[in-house]
Amino acid sequence: MEKMFKFAPLIMSVILISSCLDKKRDLYLDSFPDNFKIFILENGKEIYQYNVDKTHQLHGFLLSWLKQNQKDWTLDFTTYAPSLLINSENLKVNVLFNDNLVVINYKNKKGKWLQVSKNIEETQIKIINDKFTVDRLNR
């Protein structure tokens, strides 16, 4: 019985940390970049890249998509190999087409990086894939 109480603080810490990690949170982006780079990747290797500024249709699409999908993100500490990387100074969006997963790294108000992820519907992944693939083919 005494041994059981010895591990109680450790067990409670694990339970507390686990419950904090599973908690859904809203995505609050303080600002949205005017410019970012798009990287298309295959098996972790870059196959294409291009720049997007605020006049580009993909800039508006991404901003709109993020606003429509602000709810139910999960704090995440996993490293991923995305199919699509959208990269700027304060925001990184990783899209894993095969896993229906979007991972966002962003700086919070205190300047600290946070990573959150969200499984999204296959139809949403297809829309994102089509938008960025069509744009790549049109260049």
N, C-alpha and C. Protein backbone atom coordinates (compact mmCIF):
# COMPACT_ATOMS: atom_id res chain seq x y z
N MET A 1 0.83 -1.20 0.00
CA MET A 1 0.00 0.00 0.00
C MET A 1 0.87 1.26 0.00
N GLU A 2 1.94 1.22 0.76
CA GLU A 2 2.84 2.37 0.83
C GLU A 2 3.48 2.66 -0.52
N LYS A 3 3.81 1.59 -1.28
CA LYS A 3 4.41 1.77 -2.60
C LYS A 3 3.43 2.46 -3.55
N MET A 4 2.17 2.16 -3.40
CA MET A 4 1.17 2.77 -4.27
C MET A 4 1.12 4.29 -4.05
N PHE A 5 1.18 4.72 -2.80
CA PHE A 5 1.16 6.15 -2.50
C PHE A 5 2.44 6.85 -2.96
N LYS A 6 3.51 6.10 -3.03
CA LYS A 6 4.78 6.65 -3.47
C LYS A 6 4.69 7.15 -4.92
N PHE A 7 3.93 6.45 -5.76
CA PHE A 7 3.82 6.82 -7.17
C PHE A 7 2.60 7.69 -7.46
N ALA A 8 1.80 7.98 -6.48
CA ALA A 8 0.59 8.77 -6.68
C ALA A 8 0.87 10.15 -7.29
N PRO A 9 1.88 10.90 -6.81
CA PRO A 9 2.14 12.21 -7.44
C PRO A 9 2.52 12.09 -8.92
N LEU A 10 3.30 11.09 -9.24
CA LEU A 10 3.70 10.88 -10.64
C LEU A 10 2.48 10.54 -11.50
N ILE A 11 1.65 9.67 -11.02
CA ILE A 11 0.45 9.27 -11.75
C ILE A 11 -0.48 10.46 -11.94
N MET A 12 -0.65 11.26 -10.91
CA MET A 12 -1.51 12.44 -11.00
C MET A 12 -0.94 13.45 -12.00
N SER A 13 0.38 13.60 -12.04
CA SER A 13 1.01 14.52 -12.99
C SER A 13 0.77 14.06 -14.42
N VAL A 14 0.92 12.77 -14.67
CA VAL A 14 0.70 12.22 -16.01
C VAL A 14 -0.75 12.45 -16.43
N ILE A 15 -1.68 12.19 -15.54
CA ILE A 15 -3.10 12.39 -15.84
C ILE A 15 -3.38 13.86 -16.13
N LEU A 16 -2.83 14.75 -15.33
CA LEU A 16 -3.04 16.19 -15.51
C LEU A 16 -2.47 16.66 -16.85
N ILE A 17 -1.25 16.26 -17.17
CA ILE A 17 -0.62 16.65 -18.43
C ILE A 17 -1.41 16.10 -19.62
N SER A 18 -1.83 14.85 -19.53
CA SER A 18 -2.61 14.25 -20.61
C SER A 18 -3.91 14.98 -20.85
N SER A 19 -4.57 15.36 -19.79
CA SER A 19 -5.85 16.06 -19.94
C SER A 19 -5.65 17.45 -20.54
N CYS A 20 -4.54 18.10 -20.24
CA CYS A 20 -4.25 19.41 -20.83
C CYS A 20 -3.94 19.29 -22.32
N LEU A 21 -3.25 18.25 -22.72
CA LEU A 21 -2.88 18.07 -24.12
C LEU A 21 -4.08 17.76 -24.99
N ASP A 22 -5.05 17.05 -24.45
CA ASP A 22 -6.23 16.66 -25.23
C ASP A 22 -7.26 17.78 -25.33
N LYS A 23 -7.08 18.82 -24.57
CA LYS A 23 -8.05 19.90 -24.55
C LYS A 23 -8.08 20.62 -25.89
N LYS A 24 -9.26 20.78 -26.44
CA LYS A 24 -9.43 21.50 -27.70
C LYS A 24 -9.31 22.99 -27.42
N ARG A 25 -8.74 23.69 -28.38
CA ARG A 25 -8.57 25.13 -28.23
C ARG A 25 -8.88 25.81 -29.54
N ASP A 26 -9.19 27.09 -29.42
CA ASP A 26 -9.42 27.89 -30.62
C ASP A 26 -8.10 28.44 -31.12
N LEU A 27 -8.03 28.64 -32.40
CA LEU A 27 -6.84 29.19 -33.04
C LEU A 27 -6.97 30.70 -33.07
N TYR A 28 -6.06 31.40 -32.42
CA TYR A 28 -6.05 32.86 -32.41
C TYR A 28 -4.78 33.36 -33.07
N LEU A 29 -4.91 33.82 -34.29
CA LEU A 29 -3.77 34.39 -35.00
C LEU A 29 -3.84 35.90 -34.84
N ASP A 30 -2.82 36.48 -34.21
CA ASP A 30 -2.80 37.93 -33.99
C ASP A 30 -2.68 38.70 -35.29
N SER A 31 -1.97 38.13 -36.23
CA SER A 31 -1.82 38.78 -37.53
C SER A 31 -1.64 37.72 -38.60
N PHE A 32 -1.86 38.12 -39.82
CA PHE A 32 -1.71 37.20 -40.94
C PHE A 32 -0.65 37.79 -41.86
N PRO A 33 0.31 36.98 -42.29
CA PRO A 33 1.42 37.53 -43.08
C PRO A 33 0.97 38.05 -44.44
N ASP A 34 1.65 39.09 -44.90
CA ASP A 34 1.39 39.63 -46.25
C ASP A 34 1.98 38.73 -47.32
N ASN A 35 3.07 38.06 -46.98
CA ASN A 35 3.79 37.21 -47.93
C ASN A 35 4.14 35.88 -47.28
N PHE A 36 4.11 34.83 -48.07
CA PHE A 36 4.60 33.55 -47.59
C PHE A 36 5.07 32.70 -48.76
N LYS A 37 5.82 31.66 -48.42
CA LYS A 37 6.33 30.74 -49.44
C LYS A 37 5.53 29.45 -49.37
N ILE A 38 5.28 28.89 -50.52
CA ILE A 38 4.59 27.61 -50.64
C ILE A 38 5.63 26.58 -51.05
N PHE A 39 5.66 25.47 -50.32
CA PHE A 39 6.53 24.36 -50.66
C PHE A 39 5.67 23.13 -50.89
N ILE A 40 5.80 22.50 -52.02
CA ILE A 40 5.15 21.23 -52.29
C ILE A 40 6.21 20.16 -52.07
N LEU A 41 5.87 19.17 -51.25
CA LEU A 41 6.84 18.15 -50.88
C LEU A 41 6.32 16.76 -51.21
N GLU A 42 7.25 15.87 -51.47
CA GLU A 42 6.92 14.48 -51.73
C GLU A 42 7.93 13.63 -50.99
N ASN A 43 7.45 12.78 -50.10
CA ASN A 43 8.33 11.95 -49.27
C ASN A 43 9.37 12.79 -48.54
N GLY A 44 8.95 13.97 -48.06
CA GLY A 44 9.84 14.83 -47.29
C GLY A 44 10.80 15.67 -48.12
N LYS A 45 10.75 15.54 -49.45
CA LYS A 45 11.65 16.29 -50.32
C LYS A 45 10.88 17.34 -51.11
N GLU A 46 11.45 18.53 -51.19
CA GLU A 46 10.83 19.62 -51.92
C GLU A 46 10.84 19.33 -53.42
N ILE A 47 9.67 19.44 -54.04
CA ILE A 47 9.61 19.25 -55.50
C ILE A 47 9.24 20.55 -56.21
N TYR A 48 8.72 21.52 -55.45
CA TYR A 48 8.33 22.78 -56.07
C TYR A 48 8.15 23.82 -54.97
N GLN A 49 8.46 25.09 -55.30
CA GLN A 49 8.19 26.18 -54.36
C GLN A 49 7.85 27.45 -55.12
N TYR A 50 7.05 28.30 -54.49
CA TYR A 50 6.75 29.61 -55.07
C TYR A 50 6.32 30.56 -53.96
N ASN A 51 6.35 31.85 -54.28
CA ASN A 51 5.98 32.90 -53.33
C ASN A 51 4.56 33.36 -53.57
N VAL A 52 3.90 33.76 -52.49
CA VAL A 52 2.54 34.29 -52.55
C VAL A 52 2.53 35.61 -51.79
N ASP A 53 1.95 36.64 -52.40
CA ASP A 53 1.77 37.90 -51.69
C ASP A 53 0.28 38.14 -51.47
N LYS A 54 -0.04 39.25 -50.81
CA LYS A 54 -1.44 39.47 -50.41
C LYS A 54 -2.38 39.71 -51.58
N THR A 55 -1.86 39.92 -52.79
CA THR A 55 -2.73 40.09 -53.95
C THR A 55 -3.08 38.76 -54.61
N HIS A 56 -2.42 37.70 -54.20
CA HIS A 56 -2.61 36.38 -54.81
C HIS A 56 -3.88 35.73 -54.26
N GLN A 57 -4.60 34.99 -55.11
CA GLN A 57 -5.85 34.34 -54.68
C GLN A 57 -5.62 33.33 -53.54
N LEU A 58 -4.45 32.68 -53.50
CA LEU A 58 -4.19 31.72 -52.43
C LEU A 58 -4.04 32.40 -51.07
N HIS A 59 -3.60 33.64 -51.06
CA HIS A 59 -3.50 34.40 -49.81
C HIS A 59 -4.90 34.54 -49.20
N GLY A 60 -5.85 34.98 -50.03
CA GLY A 60 -7.23 35.13 -49.57
C GLY A 60 -7.86 33.79 -49.19
N PHE A 61 -7.57 32.77 -49.98
CA PHE A 61 -8.12 31.44 -49.68
C PHE A 61 -7.64 30.94 -48.32
N LEU A 62 -6.34 31.04 -48.06
CA LEU A 62 -5.80 30.54 -46.80
C LEU A 62 -6.35 31.34 -45.61
N LEU A 63 -6.38 32.65 -45.73
CA LEU A 63 -6.92 33.49 -44.65
C LEU A 63 -8.37 33.11 -44.37
N SER A 64 -9.16 32.97 -45.40
CA SER A 64 -10.57 32.60 -45.24
C SER A 64 -10.70 31.20 -44.60
N TRP A 65 -9.90 30.25 -45.07
CA TRP A 65 -9.97 28.89 -44.53
C TRP A 65 -9.62 28.88 -43.05
N LEU A 66 -8.59 29.61 -42.66
CA LEU A 66 -8.21 29.65 -41.24
C LEU A 66 -9.29 30.29 -40.39
N LYS A 67 -9.92 31.33 -40.88
CA LYS A 67 -11.01 31.98 -40.14
C LYS A 67 -12.19 31.04 -39.96
N GLN A 68 -12.49 30.25 -40.99
CA GLN A 68 -13.62 29.31 -40.92
C GLN A 68 -13.30 28.09 -40.07
N ASN A 69 -12.04 27.86 -39.78
CA ASN A 69 -11.63 26.66 -39.04
C ASN A 69 -10.87 27.01 -37.77
N GLN A 70 -11.35 27.98 -37.02
CA GLN A 70 -10.65 28.42 -35.81
C GLN A 70 -10.89 27.51 -34.60
N LYS A 71 -11.91 26.72 -34.62
CA LYS A 71 -12.30 25.93 -33.45
C LYS A 71 -11.70 24.53 -33.44
N ASP A 72 -11.53 23.99 -32.23
CA ASP A 72 -11.20 22.58 -32.00
C ASP A 72 -9.81 22.14 -32.46
N TRP A 73 -8.81 22.94 -32.20
CA TRP A 73 -7.42 22.56 -32.46
C TRP A 73 -6.85 21.93 -31.20
N THR A 74 -5.88 21.04 -31.38
CA THR A 74 -5.25 20.35 -30.25
C THR A 74 -3.78 20.72 -30.19
N LEU A 75 -3.31 21.05 -28.99
CA LEU A 75 -1.88 21.31 -28.79
C LEU A 75 -1.12 20.06 -29.18
N ASP A 76 -0.02 20.21 -29.90
CA ASP A 76 0.65 19.07 -30.51
C ASP A 76 2.16 19.26 -30.44
N PHE A 77 2.89 18.20 -30.08
CA PHE A 77 4.35 18.27 -29.99
C PHE A 77 5.05 17.33 -30.97
N THR A 78 4.30 16.79 -31.90
CA THR A 78 4.84 15.82 -32.85
C THR A 78 5.48 16.55 -34.03
N THR A 79 6.53 15.97 -34.57
CA THR A 79 7.15 16.49 -35.79
C THR A 79 6.56 15.75 -36.98
N TYR A 80 6.20 16.51 -38.01
CA TYR A 80 5.52 15.93 -39.17
C TYR A 80 6.32 16.19 -40.45
N ALA A 81 6.09 15.35 -41.45
CA ALA A 81 6.63 15.55 -42.80
C ALA A 81 5.44 15.87 -43.71
N PRO A 82 5.20 17.16 -43.97
CA PRO A 82 4.01 17.54 -44.72
C PRO A 82 4.12 17.31 -46.22
N SER A 83 2.97 17.35 -46.87
CA SER A 83 2.89 17.34 -48.34
C SER A 83 2.93 18.77 -48.86
N LEU A 84 2.42 19.68 -48.04
CA LEU A 84 2.36 21.09 -48.38
C LEU A 84 2.81 21.89 -47.17
N LEU A 85 3.72 22.83 -47.38
CA LEU A 85 4.18 23.70 -46.30
C LEU A 85 3.96 25.14 -46.74
N ILE A 86 3.26 25.90 -45.93
CA ILE A 86 3.07 27.32 -46.16
C ILE A 86 3.87 28.01 -45.07
N ASN A 87 4.86 28.80 -45.46
CA ASN A 87 5.86 29.27 -44.51
C ASN A 87 6.00 30.79 -44.54
N SER A 88 5.93 31.39 -43.36
CA SER A 88 6.23 32.81 -43.20
C SER A 88 6.98 32.98 -41.88
N GLU A 89 7.29 34.22 -41.56
CA GLU A 89 8.09 34.49 -40.36
C GLU A 89 7.38 34.06 -39.07
N ASN A 90 6.07 34.28 -38.99
CA ASN A 90 5.33 34.00 -37.75
C ASN A 90 4.26 32.93 -37.87
N LEU A 91 4.17 32.29 -39.02
CA LEU A 91 3.14 31.30 -39.26
C LEU A 91 3.64 30.22 -40.20
N LYS A 92 3.42 28.97 -39.82
CA LYS A 92 3.75 27.83 -40.67
C LYS A 92 2.55 26.90 -40.68
N VAL A 93 2.07 26.58 -41.87
CA VAL A 93 0.94 25.67 -42.00
C VAL A 93 1.44 24.43 -42.73
N ASN A 94 1.32 23.29 -42.08
CA ASN A 94 1.70 22.01 -42.67
C ASN A 94 0.44 21.23 -42.99
N VAL A 95 0.34 20.75 -44.21
CA VAL A 95 -0.82 19.96 -44.60
C VAL A 95 -0.32 18.57 -44.97
N LEU A 96 -0.91 17.56 -44.35
CA LEU A 96 -0.58 16.17 -44.64
C LEU A 96 -1.78 15.57 -45.37
N PHE A 97 -1.71 15.58 -46.71
CA PHE A 97 -2.85 15.16 -47.52
C PHE A 97 -3.29 13.74 -47.21
N ASN A 98 -2.35 12.82 -47.05
CA ASN A 98 -2.70 11.41 -46.83
C ASN A 98 -3.30 11.14 -45.45
N ASP A 99 -3.08 12.05 -44.51
CA ASP A 99 -3.58 11.85 -43.15
C ASP A 99 -4.76 12.75 -42.80
N ASN A 100 -5.21 13.57 -43.76
CA ASN A 100 -6.29 14.53 -43.50
C ASN A 100 -5.99 15.39 -42.27
N LEU A 101 -4.76 15.88 -42.21
CA LEU A 101 -4.29 16.60 -41.03
C LEU A 101 -3.69 17.94 -41.44
N VAL A 102 -4.03 18.97 -40.66
CA VAL A 102 -3.41 20.28 -40.80
C VAL A 102 -2.73 20.59 -39.47
N VAL A 103 -1.47 21.01 -39.56
CA VAL A 103 -0.67 21.36 -38.38
C VAL A 103 -0.24 22.81 -38.55
N ILE A 104 -0.48 23.61 -37.52
CA ILE A 104 -0.13 25.02 -37.59
C ILE A 104 0.85 25.37 -36.48
N ASN A 105 1.93 26.01 -36.86
CA ASN A 105 2.89 26.57 -35.92
C ASN A 105 2.77 28.08 -36.02
N TYR A 106 2.60 28.74 -34.89
CA TYR A 106 2.47 30.20 -34.92
C TYR A 106 3.01 30.80 -33.62
N LYS A 107 3.38 32.08 -33.71
CA LYS A 107 3.85 32.79 -32.54
C LYS A 107 2.64 33.40 -31.83
N ASN A 108 2.59 33.18 -30.52
CA ASN A 108 1.50 33.76 -29.74
C ASN A 108 1.84 35.21 -29.37
N LYS A 109 0.98 35.83 -28.57
CA LYS A 109 1.17 37.23 -28.19
C LYS A 109 2.49 37.46 -27.47
N LYS A 110 2.99 36.45 -26.78
CA LYS A 110 4.25 36.57 -26.04
C LYS A 110 5.47 36.24 -26.91
N GLY A 111 5.24 35.96 -28.18
CA GLY A 111 6.35 35.65 -29.08
C GLY A 111 6.84 34.21 -28.99
N LYS A 112 6.09 33.36 -28.30
CA LYS A 112 6.44 31.95 -28.17
C LYS A 112 5.75 31.15 -29.26
N TRP A 113 6.46 30.17 -29.81
CA TRP A 113 5.88 29.31 -30.84
C TRP A 113 4.96 28.28 -30.20
N LEU A 114 3.78 28.09 -30.80
CA LEU A 114 2.84 27.04 -30.42
C LEU A 114 2.58 26.18 -31.64
N GLN A 115 2.33 24.91 -31.41
CA GLN A 115 1.93 24.02 -32.51
C GLN A 115 0.61 23.37 -32.15
N VAL A 116 -0.33 23.47 -33.08
CA VAL A 116 -1.64 22.85 -32.92
C VAL A 116 -1.94 22.05 -34.17
N SER A 117 -2.80 21.06 -34.02
CA SER A 117 -3.17 20.24 -35.18
C SER A 117 -4.66 19.95 -35.14
N LYS A 118 -5.14 19.54 -36.31
CA LYS A 118 -6.57 19.26 -36.43
C LYS A 118 -6.78 18.30 -37.59
N ASN A 119 -7.51 17.23 -37.34
CA ASN A 119 -7.95 16.35 -38.42
C ASN A 119 -9.12 17.02 -39.10
N ILE A 120 -9.08 17.06 -40.41
CA ILE A 120 -10.16 17.71 -41.14
C ILE A 120 -10.77 16.72 -42.12
N GLU A 121 -11.96 17.06 -42.56
CA GLU A 121 -12.68 16.17 -43.47
C GLU A 121 -11.92 16.01 -44.78
N GLU A 122 -12.09 14.86 -45.37
CA GLU A 122 -11.41 14.55 -46.63
C GLU A 122 -11.79 15.55 -47.73
N THR A 123 -13.02 16.03 -47.72
CA THR A 123 -13.43 17.01 -48.72
C THR A 123 -12.64 18.31 -48.58
N GLN A 124 -12.36 18.71 -47.34
CA GLN A 124 -11.57 19.92 -47.09
C GLN A 124 -10.13 19.74 -47.57
N ILE A 125 -9.56 18.57 -47.30
CA ILE A 125 -8.20 18.28 -47.76
C ILE A 125 -8.15 18.32 -49.28
N LYS A 126 -9.16 17.76 -49.92
CA LYS A 126 -9.19 17.77 -51.39
C LYS A 126 -9.25 19.19 -51.93
N ILE A 127 -10.04 20.05 -51.30
CA ILE A 127 -10.12 21.45 -51.73
C ILE A 127 -8.76 22.12 -51.61
N ILE A 128 -8.09 21.93 -50.48
CA ILE A 128 -6.76 22.53 -50.28
C ILE A 128 -5.78 21.98 -51.31
N ASN A 129 -5.79 20.68 -51.50
CA ASN A 129 -4.90 20.04 -52.47
C ASN A 129 -5.16 20.59 -53.88
N ASP A 130 -6.41 20.66 -54.26
CA ASP A 130 -6.76 21.16 -55.59
C ASP A 130 -6.33 22.61 -55.78
N LYS A 131 -6.56 23.45 -54.78
CA LYS A 131 -6.20 24.87 -54.89
C LYS A 131 -4.70 25.03 -55.14
N PHE A 132 -3.90 24.36 -54.33
CA PHE A 132 -2.46 24.56 -54.42
C PHE A 132 -1.86 23.82 -55.61
N THR A 133 -2.44 22.69 -55.99
CA THR A 133 -1.95 21.96 -57.17
C THR A 133 -2.30 22.71 -58.44
N VAL A 134 -3.53 23.23 -58.54
CA VAL A 134 -3.93 24.00 -59.72
C VAL A 134 -3.05 25.24 -59.85
N ASP A 135 -2.80 25.91 -58.75
CA ASP A 135 -1.96 27.11 -58.81
C ASP A 135 -0.55 26.75 -59.28
N ARG A 136 -0.03 25.66 -58.82
CA ARG A 136 1.31 25.22 -59.22
C ARG A 136 1.34 24.93 -60.71
N LEU A 137 0.31 24.29 -61.22
CA LEU A 137 0.27 23.94 -62.65
C LEU A 137 0.08 25.18 -63.53
N ASN A 138 -0.52 26.23 -62.97
CA ASN A 138 -0.75 27.45 -63.75
C ASN A 138 0.47 28.37 -63.79
N ARG A 139 1.51 28.06 -63.07
CA ARG A 139 2.69 28.93 -63.05
C ARG A 139 3.59 28.67 -64.21
